[in-house]
Protein backbone atom coordinates (compact mmCIF):
# COMPACT_ATOMS: atom_id res chain seq x y z
CA MET A 1 148.12 -7.14 129.92
CA PRO A 2 146.95 -5.00 126.96
CA THR A 3 146.40 -6.78 123.70
CA GLU A 4 148.21 -5.73 120.50
CA SER A 5 145.10 -3.85 119.33
CA SER A 6 144.77 -1.93 122.59
CA ARG A 7 148.38 -0.80 122.89
CA PRO A 8 148.90 2.91 122.01
CA ARG A 9 150.68 3.51 118.74
CA SER A 10 154.18 4.91 119.13
CA PRO A 11 154.84 8.45 117.87
CA PHE A 12 157.38 7.00 115.43
CA ARG A 13 154.83 4.66 113.86
CA ALA A 14 152.27 7.48 113.58
CA LEU A 15 154.85 9.75 111.95
CA ALA A 16 155.88 7.02 109.53
CA ALA A 17 152.25 6.47 108.54
CA ALA A 18 151.77 10.19 107.89
CA VAL A 19 154.89 10.31 105.72
CA MET A 20 153.69 7.33 103.68
CA ILE A 21 150.30 8.94 103.08
CA SER A 22 151.94 12.20 101.94
CA ALA A 23 154.23 10.32 99.59
CA LEU A 24 151.30 8.54 97.98
CA ALA A 25 149.51 11.84 97.48
CA LEU A 26 152.42 13.44 95.63
CA THR A 27 153.75 10.54 93.53
CA ALA A 28 150.67 8.94 92.03
CA CYS A 29 150.29 9.75 88.35
CA GLY A 30 146.65 9.16 87.58
CA SER A 31 143.28 9.11 89.28
CA GLU A 32 142.48 5.45 88.50
CA ASN A 33 145.39 4.13 90.59
CA ASP A 34 145.53 7.05 93.01
CA ASP A 35 144.71 6.00 96.58
CA LEU A 36 143.66 9.54 97.48
CA ALA A 37 141.42 9.73 94.45
CA GLN A 38 139.79 6.45 95.40
CA ARG A 39 139.03 7.85 98.84
CA ALA A 40 137.41 10.88 97.23
CA SER A 41 135.29 8.62 95.04
CA ASN A 42 134.15 6.75 98.14
CA ASP A 43 133.36 9.67 100.45
CA GLY A 44 135.92 12.52 100.42
CA THR A 45 134.85 13.70 103.86
CA ASN A 46 138.40 14.28 105.03
CA TYR A 47 139.30 16.48 102.10
CA VAL A 48 136.46 18.77 101.08
CA ALA A 49 133.50 20.51 102.64
CA GLY A 50 131.76 20.91 99.28
CA ASP A 51 129.18 18.37 98.17
CA GLY A 52 129.14 19.05 94.44
CA SER A 53 126.29 21.54 94.81
CA VAL A 54 125.85 24.06 92.02
CA GLN A 55 124.80 27.67 92.37
CA GLU A 56 123.91 29.73 89.30
CA TYR A 57 123.45 33.49 89.43
CA ALA A 58 121.13 35.29 87.02
CA PRO A 59 122.77 38.29 85.32
CA GLU A 60 120.66 40.74 87.30
CA ASN A 61 121.64 39.08 90.59
CA ARG A 62 125.41 38.94 90.10
CA GLY A 63 127.71 40.99 92.23
CA GLU A 64 130.52 43.27 91.19
CA PRO A 65 133.32 42.01 88.94
CA VAL A 66 135.91 39.88 90.71
CA GLU A 67 138.73 42.05 92.05
CA PHE A 68 142.03 40.47 93.06
CA GLU A 69 145.65 40.45 91.97
CA SER A 70 148.07 37.53 92.18
CA THR A 71 151.12 35.95 90.57
CA LEU A 72 151.15 32.82 88.43
CA PHE A 73 153.76 30.17 89.10
CA ASP A 74 155.53 31.28 85.91
CA GLY A 75 155.97 34.75 87.43
CA SER A 76 153.26 36.50 85.39
CA GLU A 77 151.07 39.00 87.19
CA VAL A 78 147.32 38.44 87.23
CA SER A 79 144.77 41.24 87.59
CA PRO A 80 141.10 41.73 86.67
CA GLU A 81 142.10 42.82 83.17
CA ARG A 82 143.02 39.17 82.49
CA TRP A 83 139.40 37.99 82.42
CA ALA A 84 137.67 41.12 81.11
CA GLY A 85 135.74 40.33 77.94
CA GLU A 86 136.16 36.54 78.17
CA VAL A 87 134.41 33.72 79.99
CA THR A 88 136.80 32.46 82.67
CA VAL A 89 136.92 29.35 84.86
CA ILE A 90 138.77 29.59 88.20
CA ASN A 91 139.48 26.37 90.12
CA PHE A 92 140.74 26.32 93.73
CA TRP A 93 142.93 23.28 94.44
CA TYR A 94 146.00 21.77 96.07
CA ALA A 95 148.03 18.67 95.28
CA ALA A 96 147.10 16.40 98.21
CA CYS A 97 143.38 17.16 97.87
CA ALA A 98 141.85 13.87 96.71
CA PRO A 99 138.81 15.40 94.97
CA CYS A 100 141.16 17.79 93.14
CA ARG A 101 143.01 14.78 91.75
CA VAL A 102 139.75 13.17 90.66
CA GLU A 103 138.57 16.21 88.70
CA ALA A 104 141.95 17.27 87.26
CA PRO A 105 141.76 15.23 84.00
CA ASP A 106 138.21 16.48 83.35
CA LEU A 107 139.19 20.11 83.92
CA GLN A 108 142.05 19.76 81.44
CA ALA A 109 139.78 18.12 78.86
CA ILE A 110 137.17 20.87 79.21
CA HIS A 111 139.88 23.52 78.98
CA GLU A 112 141.00 22.02 75.66
CA GLU A 113 137.42 21.71 74.46
CA PHE A 114 136.58 25.39 75.01
CA ASP A 115 139.98 26.90 74.24
CA ASP A 116 139.02 27.82 70.67
CA GLU A 117 136.05 29.78 72.05
CA GLY A 118 138.33 31.93 74.17
CA VAL A 119 137.38 30.43 77.53
CA GLN A 120 140.21 30.95 80.01
CA PHE A 121 141.12 28.55 82.82
CA TYR A 122 143.11 29.51 85.92
CA GLY A 123 143.96 27.49 88.99
CA VAL A 124 144.36 28.94 92.47
CA ASN A 125 146.68 26.72 94.50
CA THR A 126 145.96 27.21 98.17
CA ARG A 127 148.76 25.23 99.88
CA ASP A 128 151.67 24.07 97.73
CA THR A 129 155.14 25.22 96.89
CA GLN A 130 155.84 25.78 93.22
CA ALA A 131 157.70 22.46 92.91
CA THR A 132 154.78 20.48 94.35
CA ALA A 133 152.20 22.29 92.22
CA GLU A 134 154.23 21.79 89.04
CA ALA A 135 154.68 18.08 89.82
CA PHE A 136 150.89 17.77 90.07
CA GLU A 137 150.44 19.59 86.77
CA ARG A 138 152.94 17.30 85.03
CA ASN A 139 151.30 14.18 86.45
CA PHE A 140 147.86 15.17 85.23
CA GLY A 141 148.89 16.98 82.05
CA ILE A 142 147.50 20.34 83.17
CA THR A 143 148.42 23.07 80.68
CA TYR A 144 146.46 26.06 81.99
CA PRO A 145 148.24 28.29 84.55
CA SER A 146 147.81 28.41 88.30
CA MET A 147 148.56 31.11 90.83
CA GLU A 148 150.16 30.56 94.24
CA ASP A 149 147.91 31.51 97.16
CA ARG A 150 149.51 30.11 100.32
CA SER A 151 149.04 33.57 101.85
CA GLY A 152 145.28 33.24 101.33
CA GLN A 153 144.92 36.64 99.66
CA VAL A 154 142.92 35.34 96.70
CA MET A 155 140.82 33.11 98.93
CA MET A 156 140.05 36.04 101.23
CA ALA A 157 139.06 38.20 98.27
CA MET A 158 136.65 35.47 97.18
CA THR A 159 135.11 34.49 100.52
CA SER A 160 131.65 35.45 99.27
CA TYR A 161 131.89 32.50 96.90
CA VAL A 162 134.61 30.17 98.23
CA PRO A 163 134.28 28.81 101.79
CA PRO A 164 137.79 28.35 103.24
CA SER A 165 137.36 24.59 103.75
CA ALA A 166 135.63 23.90 100.43
CA VAL A 167 138.46 22.90 98.12
CA PRO A 168 138.01 22.19 95.30
CA THR A 169 135.67 24.99 94.33
CA THR A 170 135.16 26.02 90.72
CA LEU A 171 133.84 29.41 89.61
CA VAL A 172 132.65 30.50 86.18
CA LEU A 173 133.01 34.21 85.43
CA ASP A 174 130.98 35.97 82.76
CA ARG A 175 132.51 38.37 80.24
CA GLU A 176 132.17 41.21 82.74
CA GLY A 177 134.26 39.32 85.29
CA ARG A 178 131.29 38.55 87.56
CA VAL A 179 130.66 35.12 89.08
CA SER A 180 127.91 33.48 87.05
CA ALA A 181 128.13 30.02 88.63
CA ARG A 182 129.84 28.09 91.42
CA ILE A 183 130.48 24.40 92.05
CA LEU A 184 131.42 23.34 95.59
CA GLY A 185 133.34 20.07 95.51
CA ILE A 186 134.18 17.93 92.48
CA ALA A 187 133.06 19.56 89.23
CA GLU A 188 130.93 17.10 87.29
CA PRO A 189 132.06 17.48 83.64
CA GLY A 190 128.62 17.76 82.08
CA THR A 191 127.56 20.36 84.62
CA LEU A 192 130.67 22.48 84.12
CA ARG A 193 130.29 22.33 80.33
CA ALA A 194 126.69 23.50 80.65
CA LEU A 195 127.63 26.40 82.94
CA ILE A 196 130.38 27.53 80.56
CA THR A 197 128.05 27.26 77.57
CA THR A 198 125.42 29.35 79.34
CA ALA A 199 127.98 32.09 80.03
CA LEU A 200 129.17 32.01 76.40
CA GLU A 201 125.63 32.30 75.06
CA GLU A 202 124.91 35.44 77.07
CA GLY A 203 126.74 37.42 74.41
């Protein structure tokens, strides 16, 4: 006779467990008490391919300016003209991504810190409906805009810099709209500040 531990789990129990995990991901309001965030702090292997590695590109080695168009959740259109002449940070994320939840408060703080210097922040949400994305933004106090990319158009336009499985990924664009730096995985605050400062100091 099989023991309790060796009996196969019923489909109903497996479904119930999945629903509970999804509910935790969408209702937690802060990273300290967020079960998903705690998992990211421990390993994060189920959520992100990035390892926090940083790639900087010297001005002479940067590619062409970033070229894509999208729509923000507020309905505004986004095109390359948006980041021309300004340093811009673009963060790829989705609500149930544990590392995204870990870094969200830091991204908002850095956005506020550099706002007076004209640094722009944009999110690229890769999976969520507008309601889910906006719930995440309310929970974490995110005030910079995000664009909806469930179709993958932005991700496809950025495949040279953003591996499909590496979410979160954060890019820093120089004033010409070229990628000057990339962080795969959770953006360490001090590192991101340094990368933004470098782009600002290029003149």
